Amino acid sequence: MHRGKGMKFVGDSRVPATGRMKNIPKDYSEYPGKTEAFWPNFLLKEWMIGAVFLVGFLCLTIAHEPPLEKIADPSDTAYIPMPDWYFLFLYQLLKYTYASGPYNAVGAFIIPGLAFGALLLAPFIDRGPERRPSKRPFATGFMLLALAAITFLTWQSVATHDWEAAAKQGQIVEFDTSAEGYKILEANNCLSCHGAALEGGGGAPSLIDTGLTPEEAKDIAVNGVGAMPPGMFKGTEEELDKLAEYISTLTSK
């Protein structure tokens, strides 16, 4: 044979390979409690645990119905929204001067972006083989700082929120549509602006908890106020008295 020449082996896919082992999971009996086959042992356990949590969550939703509020009104600028508990720390962050108003982008994008970006980069920055928290000061310190910040902001949001006002503004109020005062409102097309539940909307104020006396309610019904023009009420004097008395007694309690 000449120098530089050698033997070459060429495989042929038409020739079945002999001695190929079947797809049998490795025997991990030599390492009890240390590791196990991913399929099916590990996945089966994960699926069983997930199923237990899913059934428990479904039972919780059946046993405790979620609290509902009145129909959302985009024109109600006085409504103060409250996010779910896992967003309360971001909700509180947006209340501070440096993260709200003209600096809203700082609180909504920049600060959360830097924090979550640092969490994503942590595994690439701290690539040491140690698993003990004391041996990984950067990762441990940053995680403790993040947990402390989230805990503090969540606690501040809960402590400073006006829960009584929040419950009142979202309260569902049921009205007796058979009341004579309600029928007078309906006959004079008042519900088209003030809503079927008298909650207001589209620039019209709510007729609940107005604090008006019957005389003040009569004056507004006849002469109008704000965007409401005069002459909207077309009923009789007796109906006007009943309407004014009805509005003055509407409360959310």
C-alpha atoms as a PDB file:
ATOM      1  CA  MET A   1       0.000   0.000   0.000  1.00  0.00           C
ATOM      2  CA  HIS A   2       1.188   3.489  -0.759  1.00  0.00           C
ATOM      3  CA  ARG A   3       1.823   5.997   1.996  1.00  0.00           C
ATOM      4  CA  GLY A   4      -1.234   8.075   2.753  1.00  0.00           C
ATOM      5  CA  LYS A   5      -3.612   5.405   1.649  1.00  0.00           C
ATOM      6  CA  GLY A   6      -5.754   3.529   4.124  1.00  0.00           C
ATOM      7  CA  MET A   7      -8.842   1.436   4.571  1.00  0.00           C
ATOM      8  CA  LYS A   8     -12.252   3.058   4.668  1.00  0.00           C
ATOM      9  CA  PHE A   9     -15.513   1.605   6.017  1.00  0.00           C
ATOM     10  CA  VAL A  10     -18.751   2.506   4.268  1.00  0.00           C
ATOM     11  CA  GLY A  11     -22.103   1.874   5.929  1.00  0.00           C
ATOM     12  CA  ASP A  12     -25.193   0.788   4.077  1.00  0.00           C
ATOM     13  CA  SER A  13     -28.637   1.674   5.526  1.00  0.00           C
ATOM     14  CA  ARG A  14     -30.145  -1.338   3.793  1.00  0.00           C
ATOM     15  CA  VAL A  15     -28.103  -3.708   5.932  1.00  0.00           C
ATOM     16  CA  PRO A  16     -29.727  -4.134   9.377  1.00  0.00           C
ATOM     17  CA  ALA A  17     -27.401  -3.628  12.298  1.00  0.00           C
ATOM     18  CA  THR A  18     -26.914  -6.609  14.524  1.00  0.00           C
ATOM     19  CA  GLY A  19     -26.573  -6.619  18.242  1.00  0.00           C
ATOM     20  CA  ARG A  20     -28.509  -3.375  18.741  1.00  0.00           C
ATOM     21  CA  MET A  21     -29.824  -3.074  22.297  1.00  0.00           C
ATOM     22  CA  LYS A  22     -33.484  -2.424  22.956  1.00  0.00           C
ATOM     23  CA  ASN A  23     -34.644   0.901  24.457  1.00  0.00           C
ATOM     24  CA  ILE A  24     -34.553  -0.287  28.066  1.00  0.00           C
ATOM     25  CA  PRO A  25     -34.145   2.253  30.876  1.00  0.00           C
ATOM     26  CA  LYS A  26     -30.910   2.059  32.766  1.00  0.00           C
ATOM     27  CA  ASP A  27     -30.933   0.083  36.006  1.00  0.00           C
ATOM     28  CA  TYR A  28     -30.606   2.597  38.848  1.00  0.00           C
ATOM     29  CA  SER A  29     -30.940   0.047  41.629  1.00  0.00           C
ATOM     30  CA  GLU A  30     -27.273   0.606  42.489  1.00  0.00           C
ATOM     31  CA  TYR A  31     -28.128   4.175  43.490  1.00  0.00           C
ATOM     32  CA  PRO A  32     -31.262   3.922  45.658  1.00  0.00           C
ATOM     33  CA  GLY A  33     -32.835   7.318  46.345  1.00  0.00           C
ATOM     34  CA  LYS A  34     -30.249   9.134  44.258  1.00  0.00           C
ATOM     35  CA  THR A  35     -31.693   9.137  40.774  1.00  0.00           C
ATOM     36  CA  GLU A  36     -34.275   7.435  38.599  1.00  0.00           C
ATOM     37  CA  ALA A  37     -35.326   7.041  35.005  1.00  0.00           C
ATOM     38  CA  PHE A  38     -36.869  10.182  33.519  1.00  0.00           C
ATOM     39  CA  TRP A  39     -39.432   8.103  31.632  1.00  0.00           C
ATOM     40  CA  PRO A  40     -41.722   6.911  33.024  1.00  0.00           C
ATOM     41  CA  ASN A  41     -40.788   7.141  36.716  1.00  0.00           C
ATOM     42  CA  PHE A  42     -40.012  10.862  37.083  1.00  0.00           C
ATOM     43  CA  LEU A  43     -42.710  12.149  34.718  1.00  0.00           C
ATOM     44  CA  LEU A  44     -45.342   9.915  36.302  1.00  0.00           C
ATOM     45  CA  LYS A  45     -44.665  11.391  39.743  1.00  0.00           C
ATOM     46  CA  GLU A  46     -44.775  14.945  38.360  1.00  0.00           C
ATOM     47  CA  TRP A  47     -48.072  14.296  36.619  1.00  0.00           C
ATOM     48  CA  MET A  48     -49.597  12.766  39.745  1.00  0.00           C
ATOM     49  CA  ILE A  49     -48.558  15.746  41.884  1.00  0.00           C
ATOM     50  CA  GLY A  50     -49.884  18.157  39.253  1.00  0.00           C
ATOM     51  CA  ALA A  51     -53.205  16.305  39.158  1.00  0.00           C
ATOM     52  CA  VAL A  52     -53.551  16.507  42.957  1.00  0.00           C
ATOM     53  CA  PHE A  53     -52.950  20.267  42.935  1.00  0.00           C
ATOM     54  CA  LEU A  54     -55.362  20.755  40.025  1.00  0.00           C
ATOM     55  CA  VAL A  55     -58.153  18.835  41.773  1.00  0.00           C
ATOM     56  CA  GLY A  56     -57.481  20.759  44.988  1.00  0.00           C
ATOM     57  CA  PHE A  57     -57.631  24.079  43.148  1.00  0.00           C
ATOM     58  CA  LEU A  58     -60.910  23.134  41.463  1.00  0.00           C
ATOM     59  CA  CYS A  59     -62.406  22.144  44.837  1.00  0.00           C
ATOM     60  CA  LEU A  60     -61.284  25.502  46.272  1.00  0.00           C
ATOM     61  CA  THR A  61     -62.998  27.430  43.485  1.00  0.00           C
ATOM     62  CA  ILE A  62     -66.216  25.487  44.099  1.00  0.00           C
ATOM     63  CA  ALA A  63     -66.144  25.927  47.883  1.00  0.00           C
ATOM     64  CA  HIS A  64     -65.236  29.645  47.821  1.00  0.00           C
ATOM     65  CA  GLU A  65     -66.775  31.673  45.036  1.00  0.00           C
ATOM     66  CA  PRO A  66     -64.629  34.585  43.809  1.00  0.00           C
ATOM     67  CA  PRO A  67     -65.806  38.016  44.989  1.00  0.00           C
ATOM     68  CA  LEU A  68     -67.562  39.906  42.219  1.00  0.00           C
ATOM     69  CA  GLU A  69     -68.006  43.625  41.789  1.00  0.00           C
ATOM     70  CA  LYS A  70     -70.379  45.735  39.770  1.00  0.00           C
ATOM     71  CA  ILE A  71     -70.109  45.976  35.992  1.00  0.00           C
ATOM     72  CA  ALA A  72     -66.907  47.710  34.891  1.00  0.00           C
ATOM     73  CA  ASP A  73     -67.424  51.314  33.832  1.00  0.00           C
ATOM     74  CA  PRO A  74     -64.522  52.823  31.835  1.00  0.00           C
ATOM     75  CA  SER A  75     -65.915  56.314  32.363  1.00  0.00           C
ATOM     76  CA  ASP A  76     -65.675  56.034  36.157  1.00  0.00           C
ATOM     77  CA  THR A  77     -62.402  57.844  36.818  1.00  0.00           C
ATOM     78  CA  ALA A  78     -62.919  57.673  40.590  1.00  0.00           C
ATOM     79  CA  TYR A  79     -62.640  53.884  40.643  1.00  0.00           C
ATOM     80  CA  ILE A  80     -59.365  52.674  42.173  1.00  0.00           C
ATOM     81  CA  PRO A  81     -58.362  49.275  40.719  1.00  0.00           C
ATOM     82  CA  MET A  82     -56.665  46.647  42.854  1.00  0.00           C
ATOM     83  CA  PRO A  83     -54.494  43.997  41.161  1.00  0.00           C
ATOM     84  CA  ASP A  84     -54.069  40.423  42.353  1.00  0.00           C
ATOM     85  CA  TRP A  85     -51.755  39.819  45.295  1.00  0.00           C
ATOM     86  CA  TYR A  86     -48.792  38.698  43.196  1.00  0.00           C
ATOM     87  CA  PHE A  87     -48.732  42.099  41.404  1.00  0.00           C
ATOM     88  CA  LEU A  88     -49.123  44.224  44.530  1.00  0.00           C
ATOM     89  CA  PHE A  89     -45.394  45.003  44.748  1.00  0.00           C
ATOM     90  CA  LEU A  90     -45.449  46.509  41.236  1.00  0.00           C
ATOM     91  CA  TYR A  91     -48.687  48.327  42.086  1.00  0.00           C
ATOM     92  CA  GLN A  92     -47.008  49.879  45.128  1.00  0.00           C
ATOM     93  CA  LEU A  93     -43.901  50.799  43.134  1.00  0.00           C
ATOM     94  CA  LEU A  94     -45.999  52.912  40.775  1.00  0.00           C
ATOM     95  CA  LYS A  95     -47.250  54.999  43.713  1.00  0.00           C
ATOM     96  CA  TYR A  96     -43.851  56.537  44.425  1.00  0.00           C
ATOM     97  CA  THR A  97     -42.893  59.889  42.932  1.00  0.00           C
ATOM     98  CA  TYR A  98     -39.852  58.628  41.050  1.00  0.00           C
ATOM     99  CA  ALA A  99     -41.894  55.856  39.393  1.00  0.00           C
ATOM    100  CA  SER A 100     -45.173  57.597  38.553  1.00  0.00           C
ATOM    101  CA  GLY A 101     -46.458  60.640  36.732  1.00  0.00           C
ATOM    102  CA  PRO A 102     -43.798  61.872  34.273  1.00  0.00           C
ATOM    103  CA  TYR A 103     -41.553  59.013  35.433  1.00  0.00           C
ATOM    104  CA  ASN A 104     -44.165  56.322  34.862  1.00  0.00           C
ATOM    105  CA  ALA A 105     -41.927  54.540  32.339  1.00  0.00           C
ATOM    106  CA  VAL A 106     -39.271  54.180  35.044  1.00  0.00           C
ATOM    107  CA  GLY A 107     -41.617  52.321  37.393  1.00  0.00           C
ATOM    108  CA  ALA A 108     -43.451  50.365  34.714  1.00  0.00           C
ATOM    109  CA  PHE A 109     -40.555  49.267  32.475  1.00  0.00           C
ATOM    110  CA  ILE A 110     -37.055  50.262  33.539  1.00  0.00           C
ATOM    111  CA  ILE A 111     -36.950  49.146  37.201  1.00  0.00           C
ATOM    112  CA  PRO A 112     -38.874  45.856  36.668  1.00  0.00           C
ATOM    113  CA  GLY A 113     -36.855  45.219  33.491  1.00  0.00           C
ATOM    114  CA  LEU A 114     -33.545  45.621  35.313  1.00  0.00           C
ATOM    115  CA  ALA A 115     -34.689  43.423  38.205  1.00  0.00           C
ATOM    116  CA  PHE A 116     -36.029  40.564  36.101  1.00  0.00           C
ATOM    117  CA  GLY A 117     -33.133  40.889  33.665  1.00  0.00           C
ATOM    118  CA  ALA A 118     -30.687  40.472  36.540  1.00  0.00           C
ATOM    119  CA  LEU A 119     -32.560  37.361  37.676  1.00  0.00           C
ATOM    120  CA  LEU A 120     -32.257  35.914  34.185  1.00  0.00           C
ATOM    121  CA  LEU A 121     -28.542  36.696  34.015  1.00  0.00           C
ATOM    122  CA  ALA A 122     -27.746  35.394  37.518  1.00  0.00           C
ATOM    123  CA  PRO A 123     -27.106  31.772  36.398  1.00  0.00           C
ATOM    124  CA  PHE A 124     -24.681  33.005  33.729  1.00  0.00           C
ATOM    125  CA  ILE A 125     -22.835  35.429  36.012  1.00  0.00           C
ATOM    126  CA  ASP A 126     -22.448  33.047  38.949  1.00  0.00           C
ATOM    127  CA  ARG A 127     -21.351  29.809  37.287  1.00  0.00           C
ATOM    128  CA  GLY A 128     -19.514  28.248  40.199  1.00  0.00           C
ATOM    129  CA  PRO A 129     -19.949  24.542  40.982  1.00  0.00           C
ATOM    130  CA  GLU A 130     -20.848  25.187  44.621  1.00  0.00           C
ATOM    131  CA  ARG A 131     -24.431  24.523  45.677  1.00  0.00           C
ATOM    132  CA  ARG A 132     -24.336  25.904  49.213  1.00  0.00           C
ATOM    133  CA  PRO A 133     -25.829  29.417  49.504  1.00  0.00           C
ATOM    134  CA  SER A 134     -22.897  30.533  51.649  1.00  0.00           C
ATOM    135  CA  LYS A 135     -20.511  29.652  48.838  1.00  0.00           C
ATOM    136  CA  ARG A 136     -22.450  31.696  46.276  1.00  0.00           C
ATOM    137  CA  PRO A 137     -22.608  35.216  47.723  1.00  0.00           C
ATOM    138  CA  PHE A 138     -23.704  36.972  44.530  1.00  0.00           C
ATOM    139  CA  ALA A 139     -26.681  34.738  43.743  1.00  0.00           C
ATOM    140  CA  THR A 140     -27.701  34.441  47.399  1.00  0.00           C
ATOM    141  CA  GLY A 141     -27.404  38.167  48.070  1.00  0.00           C
ATOM    142  CA  PHE A 142     -29.341  39.166  44.981  1.00  0.00           C
ATOM    143  CA  MET A 143     -32.124  36.671  45.696  1.00  0.00           C
ATOM    144  CA  LEU A 144     -32.454  37.846  49.313  1.00  0.00           C
ATOM    145  CA  LEU A 145     -32.543  41.465  48.127  1.00  0.00           C
ATOM    146  CA  ALA A 146     -35.270  40.659  45.588  1.00  0.00           C
ATOM    147  CA  LEU A 147     -37.363  38.767  48.170  1.00  0.00           C
ATOM    148  CA  ALA A 148     -36.968  41.585  50.711  1.00  0.00           C
ATOM    149  CA  ALA A 149     -38.025  44.222  48.164  1.00  0.00           C
ATOM    150  CA  ILE A 150     -41.058  42.228  46.991  1.00  0.00           C
ATOM    151  CA  THR A 151     -42.123  41.482  50.584  1.00  0.00           C
ATOM    152  CA  PHE A 152     -41.782  45.115  51.686  1.00  0.00           C
ATOM    153  CA  LEU A 153     -43.625  46.558  48.678  1.00  0.00           C
ATOM    154  CA  THR A 154     -46.429  43.987  49.003  1.00  0.00           C
ATOM    155  CA  TRP A 155     -46.831  44.752  52.705  1.00  0.00           C
ATOM    156  CA  GLN A 156     -46.845  48.504  52.027  1.00  0.00           C
ATOM    157  CA  SER A 157     -49.508  48.104  49.354  1.00  0.00           C
ATOM    158  CA  VAL A 158     -51.780  46.139  51.683  1.00  0.00           C
ATOM    159  CA  ALA A 159     -51.206  48.454  54.657  1.00  0.00           C
ATOM    160  CA  THR A 160     -51.850  51.723  52.773  1.00  0.00           C
ATOM    161  CA  HIS A 161     -54.835  50.602  50.667  1.00  0.00           C
ATOM    162  CA  ASP A 162     -58.252  51.908  51.674  1.00  0.00           C
ATOM    163  CA  TRP A 163     -60.054  48.568  51.824  1.00  0.00           C
ATOM    164  CA  GLU A 164     -63.319  50.058  53.079  1.00  0.00           C
ATOM    165  CA  ALA A 165     -63.551  52.496  50.162  1.00  0.00           C
ATOM    166  CA  ALA A 166     -62.561  49.745  47.720  1.00  0.00           C
ATOM    167  CA  ALA A 167     -65.350  47.469  48.950  1.00  0.00           C
ATOM    168  CA  LYS A 168     -67.851  50.300  48.712  1.00  0.00           C
ATOM    169  CA  GLN A 169     -66.920  51.387  45.188  1.00  0.00           C
ATOM    170  CA  GLY A 170     -67.216  47.870  43.812  1.00  0.00           C
ATOM    171  CA  GLN A 171     -70.295  46.827  45.748  1.00  0.00           C
ATOM    172  CA  ILE A 172     -73.122  45.303  43.747  1.00  0.00           C
ATOM    173  CA  VAL A 173     -76.340  47.072  44.640  1.00  0.00           C
ATOM    174  CA  GLU A 174     -79.628  45.424  43.789  1.00  0.00           C
ATOM    175  CA  PHE A 175     -82.569  47.705  43.176  1.00  0.00           C
ATOM    176  CA  ASP A 176     -86.245  47.075  43.439  1.00  0.00           C
ATOM    177  CA  THR A 177     -87.260  47.842  39.880  1.00  0.00           C
ATOM    178  CA  SER A 178     -90.880  47.705  40.977  1.00  0.00           C
ATOM    179  CA  ALA A 179     -90.455  50.823  43.123  1.00  0.00           C
ATOM    180  CA  GLU A 180     -92.527  53.757  41.915  1.00  0.00           C
ATOM    181  CA  GLY A 181     -89.537  56.103  41.925  1.00  0.00           C
ATOM    182  CA  TYR A 182     -87.565  53.736  39.692  1.00  0.00           C
ATOM    183  CA  LYS A 183     -90.461  53.502  37.245  1.00  0.00           C
ATOM    184  CA  ILE A 184     -90.631  57.304  37.066  1.00  0.00           C
ATOM    185  CA  LEU A 185     -86.921  57.410  36.229  1.00  0.00           C
ATOM    186  CA  GLU A 186     -87.460  54.808  33.545  1.00  0.00           C
ATOM    187  CA  ALA A 187     -90.448  56.664  32.085  1.00  0.00           C
ATOM    188  CA  ASN A 188     -88.404  59.864  31.745  1.00  0.00           C
ATOM    189  CA  ASN A 189     -85.474  58.099  30.008  1.00  0.00           C
ATOM    190  CA  CYS A 190     -83.185  58.796  32.976  1.00  0.00           C
ATOM    191  CA  LEU A 191     -81.768  55.257  32.854  1.00  0.00           C
ATOM    192  CA  SER A 192     -80.191  55.836  29.432  1.00  0.00           C
ATOM    193  CA  CYS A 193     -77.601  58.096  31.085  1.00  0.00           C
ATOM    194  CA  HIS A 194     -77.575  57.038  34.729  1.00  0.00           C
ATOM    195  CA  GLY A 195     -77.690  53.291  34.001  1.00  0.00           C
ATOM    196  CA  ALA A 196     -80.151  50.562  34.847  1.00  0.00           C
ATOM    197  CA  ALA A 197     -78.480  50.130  38.250  1.00  0.00           C
ATOM    198  CA  LEU A 198     -78.311  53.933  38.699  1.00  0.00           C
ATOM    199  CA  GLU A 199     -74.509  53.662  38.928  1.00  0.00           C
ATOM    200  CA  GLY A 200     -73.915  56.416  36.383  1.00  0.00           C
ATOM    201  CA  GLY A 201     -71.594  56.318  33.395  1.00  0.00           C
ATOM    202  CA  GLY A 202     -70.754  58.173  30.220  1.00  0.00           C
ATOM    203  CA  GLY A 203     -70.385  61.426  32.149  1.00  0.00           C
ATOM    204  CA  ALA A 204     -73.621  61.047  34.094  1.00  0.00           C
ATOM    205  CA  PRO A 205     -73.170  60.818  37.875  1.00  0.00           C
ATOM    206  CA  SER A 206     -74.400  58.000  40.054  1.00  0.00           C
ATOM    207  CA  LEU A 207     -77.757  58.494  41.732  1.00  0.00           C
ATOM    208  CA  ILE A 208     -76.638  56.446  44.742  1.00  0.00           C
ATOM    209  CA  ASP A 209     -75.357  58.166  47.877  1.00  0.00           C
ATOM    210  CA  THR A 210     -75.848  61.612  46.351  1.00  0.00           C
ATOM    211  CA  GLY A 211     -76.556  63.190  49.726  1.00  0.00           C
ATOM    212  CA  LEU A 212     -79.221  65.381  48.110  1.00  0.00           C
ATOM    213  CA  THR A 213     -82.322  66.497  49.917  1.00  0.00           C
ATOM    214  CA  PRO A 214     -85.675  66.061  48.149  1.00  0.00           C
ATOM    215  CA  GLU A 215     -85.753  69.810  47.390  1.00  0.00           C
ATOM    216  CA  GLU A 216     -82.270  69.698  45.811  1.00  0.00           C
ATOM    217  CA  ALA A 217     -83.184  66.619  43.763  1.00  0.00           C
ATOM    218  CA  LYS A 218     -86.331  68.371  42.494  1.00  0.00           C
ATOM    219  CA  ASP A 219     -84.376  71.460  41.489  1.00  0.00           C
ATOM    220  CA  ILE A 220     -81.853  69.368  39.491  1.00  0.00           C
ATOM    221  CA  ALA A 221     -84.582  67.311  37.820  1.00  0.00           C
ATOM    222  CA  VAL A 222     -86.313  70.486  36.598  1.00  0.00           C
ATOM    223  CA  ASN A 223     -83.450  72.932  35.998  1.00  0.00           C
ATOM    224  CA  GLY A 224     -80.636  70.502  35.242  1.00  0.00           C
ATOM    225  CA  VAL A 225     -77.015  70.650  36.398  1.00  0.00           C
ATOM    226  CA  GLY A 226     -73.667  70.368  34.624  1.00  0.00           C
ATOM    227  CA  ALA A 227     -74.091  68.436  31.364  1.00  0.00           C
ATOM    228  CA  MET A 228     -77.738  67.720  32.185  1.00  0.00           C
ATOM    229  CA  PRO A 229     -79.930  70.297  30.414  1.00  0.00           C
ATOM    230  CA  PRO A 230     -83.115  71.709  31.989  1.00  0.00           C
ATOM    231  CA  GLY A 231     -86.498  70.354  31.102  1.00  0.00           C
ATOM    232  CA  MET A 232     -85.530  66.683  31.075  1.00  0.00           C
ATOM    233  CA  PHE A 233     -88.301  65.752  33.510  1.00  0.00           C
ATOM    234  CA  LYS A 234     -91.695  65.537  31.764  1.00  0.00           C
ATOM    235  CA  GLY A 235     -93.856  64.173  34.585  1.00  0.00           C
ATOM    236  CA  THR A 236     -96.410  65.696  36.890  1.00  0.00           C
ATOM    237  CA  GLU A 237     -95.704  67.568  40.099  1.00  0.00           C
ATOM    238  CA  GLU A 238     -96.786  64.542  42.127  1.00  0.00           C
ATOM    239  CA  GLU A 239     -94.369  62.312  40.194  1.00  0.00           C
ATOM    240  CA  LEU A 240     -91.609  64.875  40.740  1.00  0.00           C
ATOM    241  CA  ASP A 241     -92.138  64.724  44.500  1.00  0.00           C
ATOM    242  CA  LYS A 242     -91.992  60.920  44.472  1.00  0.00           C
ATOM    243  CA  LEU A 243     -88.893  60.951  42.264  1.00  0.00           C
ATOM    244  CA  ALA A 244     -87.084  63.438  44.514  1.00  0.00           C
ATOM    245  CA  GLU A 245     -87.933  61.447  47.618  1.00  0.00           C
ATOM    246  CA  TYR A 246     -86.744  58.247  45.943  1.00  0.00           C
ATOM    247  CA  ILE A 247     -83.373  59.702  44.885  1.00  0.00           C
ATOM    248  CA  SER A 248     -82.732  61.211  48.309  1.00  0.00           C
ATOM    249  CA  THR A 249     -83.133  57.800  49.950  1.00  0.00           C
ATOM    250  CA  LEU A 250     -80.882  55.795  47.563  1.00  0.00           C
ATOM    251  CA  THR A 251     -77.869  54.476  49.472  1.00  0.00           C
ATOM    252  CA  SER A 252     -75.406  51.650  48.951  1.00  0.00           C
ATOM    253  CA  LYS A 253     -75.838  50.357  52.496  1.00  0.00           C
END
